[in-house]
PDB file of N, CA and C in Angstrom:
ATOM      1  N   MET A   1      -4.841 -26.908 -19.669  1.00  0.00           N
ATOM      2  CA  MET A   1      -4.648 -25.807 -18.742  1.00  0.00           C
ATOM      3  C   MET A   1      -3.200 -25.788 -18.268  1.00  0.00           C
ATOM      4  N   ASP A   2      -2.616 -24.588 -18.194  1.00  0.00           N
ATOM      5  CA  ASP A   2      -1.246 -24.452 -17.722  1.00  0.00           C
ATOM      6  C   ASP A   2      -1.156 -24.768 -16.238  1.00  0.00           C
ATOM      7  N   ARG A   3      -0.027 -25.333 -15.851  1.00  0.00           N
ATOM      8  CA  ARG A   3       0.202 -25.652 -14.450  1.00  0.00           C
ATOM      9  C   ARG A   3       0.389 -24.361 -13.656  1.00  0.00           C
ATOM     10  N   GLN A   4      -0.200 -24.286 -12.458  1.00  0.00           N
ATOM     11  CA  GLN A   4      -0.084 -23.126 -11.584  1.00  0.00           C
ATOM     12  C   GLN A   4       0.543 -23.566 -10.264  1.00  0.00           C
ATOM     13  N   PHE A   5       1.444 -22.772  -9.740  1.00  0.00           N
ATOM     14  CA  PHE A   5       2.099 -23.042  -8.471  1.00  0.00           C
ATOM     15  C   PHE A   5       1.531 -22.087  -7.433  1.00  0.00           C
ATOM     16  N   GLN A   6       1.316 -22.576  -6.204  1.00  0.00           N
ATOM     17  CA  GLN A   6       0.714 -21.743  -5.167  1.00  0.00           C
ATOM     18  C   GLN A   6       1.621 -21.612  -3.958  1.00  0.00           C
ATOM     19  N   LEU A   7       1.426 -20.526  -3.241  1.00  0.00           N
ATOM     20  CA  LEU A   7       2.178 -20.249  -2.030  1.00  0.00           C
ATOM     21  C   LEU A   7       1.241 -19.619  -1.012  1.00  0.00           C
ATOM     22  N   LYS A   8       1.361 -20.025   0.265  1.00  0.00           N
ATOM     23  CA  LYS A   8       0.608 -19.380   1.339  1.00  0.00           C
ATOM     24  C   LYS A   8       1.506 -19.331   2.560  1.00  0.00           C
ATOM     25  N   LYS A   9       1.570 -18.172   3.196  1.00  0.00           N
ATOM     26  CA  LYS A   9       2.416 -18.003   4.366  1.00  0.00           C
ATOM     27  C   LYS A   9       1.736 -17.056   5.341  1.00  0.00           C
ATOM     28  N   ASP A  10       1.783 -17.367   6.639  1.00  0.00           N
ATOM     29  CA  ASP A  10       1.236 -16.508   7.687  1.00  0.00           C
ATOM     30  C   ASP A  10       2.394 -15.864   8.445  1.00  0.00           C
ATOM     31  N   ILE A  11       2.291 -14.553   8.675  1.00  0.00           N
ATOM     32  CA  ILE A  11       3.341 -13.806   9.359  1.00  0.00           C
ATOM     33  C   ILE A  11       2.716 -13.037  10.521  1.00  0.00           C
ATOM     34  N   PRO A  12       3.205 -13.242  11.785  1.00  0.00           N
ATOM     35  CA  PRO A  12       2.710 -12.421  12.886  1.00  0.00           C
ATOM     36  C   PRO A  12       3.046 -10.958  12.597  1.00  0.00           C
ATOM     37  N   PHE A  13       2.172 -10.028  12.992  1.00  0.00           N
ATOM     38  CA  PHE A  13       2.435  -8.629  12.633  1.00  0.00           C
ATOM     39  C   PHE A  13       1.794  -7.639  13.585  1.00  0.00           C
ATOM     40  N   THR A  14       2.278  -6.409  13.462  1.00  0.00           N
ATOM     41  CA  THR A  14       1.657  -5.244  14.079  1.00  0.00           C
ATOM     42  C   THR A  14       1.226  -4.348  12.924  1.00  0.00           C
ATOM     43  N   ASP A  15       0.496  -3.287  13.203  1.00  0.00           N
ATOM     44  CA  ASP A  15       0.097  -2.362  12.136  1.00  0.00           C
ATOM     45  C   ASP A  15       1.314  -1.792  11.418  1.00  0.00           C
ATOM     46  N   GLU A  16       2.361  -1.476  12.173  1.00  0.00           N
ATOM     47  CA  GLU A  16       3.580  -0.927  11.577  1.00  0.00           C
ATOM     48  C   GLU A  16       4.222  -1.928  10.616  1.00  0.00           C
ATOM     49  N   ILE A  17       4.317  -3.174  11.029  1.00  0.00           N
ATOM     50  CA  ILE A  17       4.897  -4.206  10.168  1.00  0.00           C
ATOM     51  C   ILE A  17       4.029  -4.416   8.936  1.00  0.00           C
ATOM     52  N   ASN A  18       2.719  -4.393   9.102  1.00  0.00           N
ATOM     53  CA  ASN A  18       1.790  -4.559   7.987  1.00  0.00           C
ATOM     54  C   ASN A  18       2.078  -3.533   6.886  1.00  0.00           C
ATOM     55  N   GLN A  19       2.163  -2.258   7.242  1.00  0.00           N
ATOM     56  CA  GLN A  19       2.410  -1.210   6.253  1.00  0.00           C
ATOM     57  C   GLN A  19       3.801  -1.329   5.636  1.00  0.00           C
ATOM     58  N   LYS A  20       4.774  -1.698   6.443  1.00  0.00           N
ATOM     59  CA  LYS A  20       6.144  -1.845   5.944  1.00  0.00           C
ATOM     60  C   LYS A  20       6.236  -2.971   4.913  1.00  0.00           C
ATOM     61  N   ILE A  21       5.581  -4.086   5.170  1.00  0.00           N
ATOM     62  CA  ILE A  21       5.626  -5.217   4.242  1.00  0.00           C
ATOM     63  C   ILE A  21       4.998  -4.842   2.905  1.00  0.00           C
ATOM     64  N   ILE A  22       3.853  -4.194   2.936  1.00  0.00           N
ATOM     65  CA  ILE A  22       3.195  -3.806   1.684  1.00  0.00           C
ATOM     66  C   ILE A  22       4.077  -2.846   0.899  1.00  0.00           C
ATOM     67  N   SER A  23       4.688  -1.890   1.584  1.00  0.00           N
ATOM     68  CA  SER A  23       5.581  -0.937   0.926  1.00  0.00           C
ATOM     69  C   SER A  23       6.788  -1.649   0.313  1.00  0.00           C
ATOM     70  N   GLU A  24       7.374  -2.576   1.060  1.00  0.00           N
ATOM     71  CA  GLU A  24       8.546  -3.291   0.561  1.00  0.00           C
ATOM     72  C   GLU A  24       8.204  -4.234  -0.590  1.00  0.00           C
ATOM     73  N   MET A  25       6.992  -4.778  -0.607  1.00  0.00           N
ATOM     74  CA  MET A  25       6.583  -5.620  -1.736  1.00  0.00           C
ATOM     75  C   MET A  25       6.580  -4.811  -3.025  1.00  0.00           C
ATOM     76  N   LYS A  26       6.056  -3.602  -2.971  1.00  0.00           N
ATOM     77  CA  LYS A  26       6.047  -2.749  -4.158  1.00  0.00           C
ATOM     78  C   LYS A  26       7.471  -2.499  -4.641  1.00  0.00           C
ATOM     79  N   GLU A  27       8.388  -2.216  -3.701  1.00  0.00           N
ATOM     80  CA  GLU A  27       9.786  -1.988  -4.055  1.00  0.00           C
ATOM     81  C   GLU A  27      10.422  -3.246  -4.627  1.00  0.00           C
ATOM     82  N   SER A  28      10.062  -4.422  -4.101  1.00  0.00           N
ATOM     83  CA  SER A  28      10.618  -5.685  -4.600  1.00  0.00           C
ATOM     84  C   SER A  28      10.275  -5.916  -6.061  1.00  0.00           C
ATOM     85  N   PHE A  29       9.041  -5.623  -6.433  1.00  0.00           N
ATOM     86  CA  PHE A  29       8.649  -5.790  -7.828  1.00  0.00           C
ATOM     87  C   PHE A  29       9.525  -4.921  -8.723  1.00  0.00           C
ATOM     88  N   ASP A  30       9.739  -3.676  -8.324  1.00  0.00           N
ATOM     89  CA  ASP A  30      10.566  -2.769  -9.116  1.00  0.00           C
ATOM     90  C   ASP A  30      11.994  -3.285  -9.234  1.00  0.00           C
ATOM     91  N   SER A  31      12.587  -3.689  -8.116  1.00  0.00           N
ATOM     92  CA  SER A  31      13.985  -4.112  -8.126  1.00  0.00           C
ATOM     93  C   SER A  31      14.200  -5.420  -8.879  1.00  0.00           C
ATOM     94  N   MET A  32      13.183  -6.278  -8.944  1.00  0.00           N
ATOM     95  CA  MET A  32      13.311  -7.543  -9.667  1.00  0.00           C
ATOM     96  C   MET A  32      12.916  -7.402 -11.128  1.00  0.00           C
ATOM     97  N   GLY A  33      12.524  -6.210 -11.522  1.00  0.00           N
ATOM     98  CA  GLY A  33      12.142  -5.992 -12.917  1.00  0.00           C
ATOM     99  C   GLY A  33      10.788  -6.571 -13.277  1.00  0.00           C
ATOM    100  N   LYS A  34       9.961  -6.851 -12.278  1.00  0.00           N
ATOM    101  CA  LYS A  34       8.614  -7.372 -12.543  1.00  0.00           C
ATOM    102  C   LYS A  34       7.699  -6.218 -12.918  1.00  0.00           C
ATOM    103  N   GLN A  35       6.965  -6.399 -13.982  1.00  0.00           N
ATOM    104  CA  GLN A  35       6.021  -5.381 -14.431  1.00  0.00           C
ATOM    105  C   GLN A  35       4.679  -5.618 -13.753  1.00  0.00           C
ATOM    106  N   LEU A  36       4.295  -4.715 -12.861  1.00  0.00           N
ATOM    107  CA  LEU A  36       2.993  -4.830 -12.212  1.00  0.00           C
ATOM    108  C   LEU A  36       1.903  -4.445 -13.190  1.00  0.00           C
ATOM    109  N   LYS A  37       0.897  -5.302 -13.305  1.00  0.00           N
ATOM    110  CA  LYS A  37      -0.256  -4.979 -14.150  1.00  0.00           C
ATOM    111  C   LYS A  37      -1.260  -4.155 -13.362  1.00  0.00           C
ATOM    112  N   THR A  38      -1.576  -4.609 -12.149  1.00  0.00           N
ATOM    113  CA  THR A  38      -2.521  -3.880 -11.297  1.00  0.00           C
ATOM    114  C   THR A  38      -2.154  -4.068  -9.832  1.00  0.00           C
ATOM    115  N   ILE A  39      -2.600  -3.137  -9.008  1.00  0.00           N
ATOM    116  CA  ILE A  39      -2.553  -3.273  -7.554  1.00  0.00           C
ATOM    117  C   ILE A  39      -3.975  -3.037  -7.074  1.00  0.00           C
ATOM    118  N   ASN A  40      -4.573  -4.070  -6.473  1.00  0.00           N
ATOM    119  CA  ASN A  40      -5.949  -3.988  -5.988  1.00  0.00           C
ATOM    120  C   ASN A  40      -5.914  -3.973  -4.463  1.00  0.00           C
ATOM    121  N   LYS A  41      -6.461  -2.929  -3.851  1.00  0.00           N
ATOM    122  CA  LYS A  41      -6.446  -2.795  -2.392  1.00  0.00           C
ATOM    123  C   LYS A  41      -7.800  -3.093  -1.754  1.00  0.00           C
ATOM    124  N   MET A  42      -8.674  -3.811  -2.471  1.00  0.00           N
ATOM    125  CA  MET A  42     -10.009  -4.089  -1.947  1.00  0.00           C
ATOM    126  C   MET A  42      -9.962  -4.979  -0.705  1.00  0.00           C
ATOM    127  N   ASP A  43      -9.217  -6.069  -0.737  1.00  0.00           N
ATOM    128  CA  ASP A  43      -9.117  -6.996   0.395  1.00  0.00           C
ATOM    129  C   ASP A  43      -7.637  -7.208   0.683  1.00  0.00           C
ATOM    130  N   GLY A  44      -7.009  -6.239   1.313  1.00  0.00           N
ATOM    131  CA  GLY A  44      -5.574  -6.294   1.502  1.00  0.00           C
ATOM    132  C   GLY A  44      -4.915  -5.570   0.345  1.00  0.00           C
ATOM    133  N   CYS A  45      -3.882  -6.183  -0.198  1.00  0.00           N
ATOM    134  CA  CYS A  45      -3.186  -5.582  -1.332  1.00  0.00           C
ATOM    135  C   CYS A  45      -2.787  -6.708  -2.286  1.00  0.00           C
ATOM    136  N   ARG A  46      -3.426  -6.754  -3.445  1.00  0.00           N
ATOM    137  CA  ARG A  46      -3.148  -7.793  -4.435  1.00  0.00           C
ATOM    138  C   ARG A  46      -2.325  -7.185  -5.567  1.00  0.00           C
ATOM    139  N   PHE A  47      -1.185  -7.824  -5.835  1.00  0.00           N
ATOM    140  CA  PHE A  47      -0.286  -7.397  -6.896  1.00  0.00           C
ATOM    141  C   PHE A  47      -0.404  -8.386  -8.049  1.00  0.00           C
ATOM    142  N   ASP A  48      -0.907  -7.945  -9.188  1.00  0.00           N
ATOM    143  CA  ASP A  48      -0.986  -8.791 -10.377  1.00  0.00           C
ATOM    144  C   ASP A  48       0.184  -8.445 -11.288  1.00  0.00           C
ATOM    145  N   TYR A  49       0.895  -9.478 -11.742  1.00  0.00           N
ATOM    146  CA  TYR A  49       2.022  -9.273 -12.641  1.00  0.00           C
ATOM    147  C   TYR A  49       1.938 -10.287 -13.768  1.00  0.00           C
ATOM    148  N   ASP A  50       2.900 -10.252 -14.683  1.00  0.00           N
ATOM    149  CA  ASP A  50       2.833 -11.068 -15.898  1.00  0.00           C
ATOM    150  C   ASP A  50       2.593 -12.550 -15.647  1.00  0.00           C
ATOM    151  N   ASN A  51       3.264 -13.146 -14.661  1.00  0.00           N
ATOM    152  CA  ASN A  51       3.202 -14.595 -14.462  1.00  0.00           C
ATOM    153  C   ASN A  51       2.241 -15.041 -13.366  1.00  0.00           C
ATOM    154  N   GLY A  52       1.559 -14.100 -12.695  1.00  0.00           N
ATOM    155  CA  GLY A  52       0.669 -14.513 -11.614  1.00  0.00           C
ATOM    156  C   GLY A  52       0.264 -13.363 -10.724  1.00  0.00           C
ATOM    157  N   TRP A  53       0.079 -13.664  -9.429  1.00  0.00           N
ATOM    158  CA  TRP A  53      -0.355 -12.650  -8.479  1.00  0.00           C
ATOM    159  C   TRP A  53       0.111 -13.005  -7.075  1.00  0.00           C
ATOM    160  N   ILE A  54       0.148 -11.974  -6.206  1.00  0.00           N
ATOM    161  CA  ILE A  54       0.432 -12.139  -4.784  1.00  0.00           C
ATOM    162  C   ILE A  54      -0.571 -11.276  -4.029  1.00  0.00           C
ATOM    163  N   LEU A  55      -1.219 -11.850  -3.001  1.00  0.00           N
ATOM    164  CA  LEU A  55      -2.166 -11.116  -2.165  1.00  0.00           C
ATOM    165  C   LEU A  55      -1.615 -11.055  -0.747  1.00  0.00           C
ATOM    166  N   ILE A  56      -1.550  -9.850  -0.201  1.00  0.00           N
ATOM    167  CA  ILE A  56      -1.119  -9.640   1.177  1.00  0.00           C
ATOM    168  C   ILE A  56      -2.299  -9.029   1.912  1.00  0.00           C
ATOM    169  N   ARG A  57      -2.771  -9.705   2.965  1.00  0.00           N
ATOM    170  CA  ARG A  57      -3.918  -9.174   3.699  1.00  0.00           C
ATOM    171  C   ARG A  57      -3.881  -9.651   5.143  1.00  0.00           C
ATOM    172  N   ARG A  58      -4.581  -8.918   5.981  1.00  0.00           N
ATOM    173  CA  ARG A  58      -4.724  -9.318   7.375  1.00  0.00           C
ATOM    174  C   ARG A  58      -5.655 -10.514   7.484  1.00  0.00           C
ATOM    175  N   SER A  59      -5.329 -11.397   8.412  1.00  0.00           N
ATOM    176  CA  SER A  59      -6.251 -12.479   8.730  1.00  0.00           C
ATOM    177  C   SER A  59      -7.438 -11.883   9.463  1.00  0.00           C
ATOM    178  N   GLY A  60      -8.615 -12.396   9.194  1.00  0.00           N
ATOM    179  CA  GLY A  60      -9.799 -11.931   9.904  1.00  0.00           C
ATOM    180  C   GLY A  60      -9.999 -12.619  11.239  1.00  0.00           C
ATOM    181  N   THR A  61      -9.217 -13.685  11.505  1.00  0.00           N
ATOM    182  CA  THR A  61      -9.445 -14.482  12.709  1.00  0.00           C
ATOM    183  C   THR A  61      -8.240 -14.593  13.628  1.00  0.00           C
ATOM    184  N   SER A  62      -7.074 -14.137  13.199  1.00  0.00           N
ATOM    185  CA  SER A  62      -5.881 -14.252  14.034  1.00  0.00           C
ATOM    186  C   SER A  62      -4.923 -13.095  13.732  1.00  0.00           C
ATOM    187  N   PRO A  63      -3.962 -12.850  14.618  1.00  0.00           N
ATOM    188  CA  PRO A  63      -3.058 -11.707  14.431  1.00  0.00           C
ATOM    189  C   PRO A  63      -1.940 -12.002  13.435  1.00  0.00           C
ATOM    190  N   TYR A  64      -2.310 -12.320  12.223  1.00  0.00           N
ATOM    191  CA  TYR A  64      -1.335 -12.652  11.190  1.00  0.00           C
ATOM    192  C   TYR A  64      -1.588 -11.847   9.930  1.00  0.00           C
ATOM    193  N   LEU A  65      -0.523 -11.684   9.193  1.00  0.00           N
ATOM    194  CA  LEU A  65      -0.604 -11.151   7.845  1.00  0.00           C
ATOM    195  C   LEU A  65      -0.545 -12.366   6.934  1.00  0.00           C
ATOM    196  N   ARG A  66      -1.510 -12.527   6.069  1.00  0.00           N
ATOM    197  CA  ARG A  66      -1.560 -13.684   5.172  1.00  0.00           C
ATOM    198  C   ARG A  66      -0.992 -13.287   3.816  1.00  0.00           C
ATOM    199  N   ILE A  67      -0.114 -14.130   3.318  1.00  0.00           N
ATOM    200  CA  ILE A  67       0.455 -13.924   1.992  1.00  0.00           C
ATOM    201  C   ILE A  67       0.101 -15.140   1.157  1.00  0.00           C
ATOM    202  N   SER A  68      -0.613 -14.920   0.077  1.00  0.00           N
ATOM    203  CA  SER A  68      -0.988 -15.985  -0.845  1.00  0.00           C
ATOM    204  C   SER A  68      -0.552 -15.567  -2.234  1.00  0.00           C
ATOM    205  N   GLY A  69      -0.270 -16.539  -3.069  1.00  0.00           N
ATOM    206  CA  GLY A  69       0.118 -16.200  -4.426  1.00  0.00           C
ATOM    207  C   GLY A  69      -0.026 -17.370  -5.361  1.00  0.00           C
ATOM    208  N   GLU A  70       0.019 -17.065  -6.630  1.00  0.00           N
ATOM    209  CA  GLU A  70      -0.070 -18.085  -7.664  1.00  0.00           C
ATOM    210  C   GLU A  70       0.765 -17.614  -8.842  1.00  0.00           C
ATOM    211  N   SER A  71       1.484 -18.551  -9.450  1.00  0.00           N
ATOM    212  CA  SER A  71       2.365 -18.198 -10.553  1.00  0.00           C
ATOM    213  C   SER A  71       2.425 -19.339 -11.555  1.00  0.00           C
ATOM    214  N   SER A  72       2.661 -18.988 -12.808  1.00  0.00           N
ATOM    215  CA  SER A  72       2.820 -20.016 -13.839  1.00  0.00           C
ATOM    216  C   SER A  72       4.276 -20.462 -13.939  1.00  0.00           C
ATOM    217  N   VAL A  73       5.158 -19.859 -13.150  1.00  0.00           N
ATOM    218  CA  VAL A  73       6.567 -20.259 -13.115  1.00  0.00           C
ATOM    219  C   VAL A  73       6.843 -20.978 -11.804  1.00  0.00           C
ATOM    220  N   ASP A  74       8.032 -21.524 -11.676  1.00  0.00           N
ATOM    221  CA  ASP A  74       8.432 -22.304 -10.512  1.00  0.00           C
ATOM    222  C   ASP A  74       8.094 -21.581  -9.206  1.00  0.00           C
ATOM    223  N   ILE A  75       7.548 -22.309  -8.253  1.00  0.00           N
ATOM    224  CA  ILE A  75       7.132 -21.748  -6.970  1.00  0.00           C
ATOM    225  C   ILE A  75       8.295 -21.117  -6.223  1.00  0.00           C
ATOM    226  N   ASN A  76       9.514 -21.592  -6.455  1.00  0.00           N
ATOM    227  CA  ASN A  76      10.673 -21.024  -5.766  1.00  0.00           C
ATOM    228  C   ASN A  76      10.867 -19.549  -6.091  1.00  0.00           C
ATOM    229  N   GLN A  77      10.481 -19.118  -7.288  1.00  0.00           N
ATOM    230  CA  GLN A  77      10.566 -17.700  -7.624  1.00  0.00           C
ATOM    231  C   GLN A  77       9.575 -16.902  -6.787  1.00  0.00           C
ATOM    232  N   SER A  78       8.391 -17.440  -6.572  1.00  0.00           N
ATOM    233  CA  SER A  78       7.409 -16.762  -5.727  1.00  0.00           C
ATOM    234  C   SER A  78       7.894 -16.695  -4.283  1.00  0.00           C
ATOM    235  N   ILE A  79       8.520 -17.756  -3.812  1.00  0.00           N
ATOM    236  CA  ILE A  79       9.041 -17.768  -2.446  1.00  0.00           C
ATOM    237  C   ILE A  79      10.119 -16.706  -2.293  1.00  0.00           C
ATOM    238  N   GLU A  80      11.012 -16.582  -3.264  1.00  0.00           N
ATOM    239  CA  GLU A  80      12.052 -15.557  -3.218  1.00  0.00           C
ATOM    240  C   GLU A  80      11.452 -14.169  -3.095  1.00  0.00           C
ATOM    241  N   MET A  81      10.367 -13.900  -3.817  1.00  0.00           N
ATOM    242  CA  MET A  81       9.738 -12.585  -3.775  1.00  0.00           C
ATOM    243  C   MET A  81       9.120 -12.301  -2.417  1.00  0.00           C
ATOM    244  N   ASN A  82       8.795 -13.339  -1.665  1.00  0.00           N
ATOM    245  CA  ASN A  82       8.106 -13.149  -0.389  1.00  0.00           C
ATOM    246  C   ASN A  82       9.036 -13.158   0.815  1.00  0.00           C
ATOM    247  N   LYS A  83      10.338 -13.223   0.600  1.00  0.00           N
ATOM    248  CA  LYS A  83      11.283 -13.209   1.730  1.00  0.00           C
ATOM    249  C   LYS A  83      11.385 -11.835   2.321  1.00  0.00           C
TER     250      LYS A  83
END
């Protein structure tokens, strides 16, 4: 099995910040030349791309936006995408 790198980050947010982050994530994929395979909005917003995925969703228990992801490439690349 290929090695997978994971990332999880909690960000305090308001509704306005929530929408802005999701919008900017879509723009980040375009500017970095990442080819999005799918965007699933069932539980937040999950972006699937060639090397992995990133899920952005509201926490159900606290006032945070949760960002989780997994990639087959170095975790530092995933961290860069989430700045």
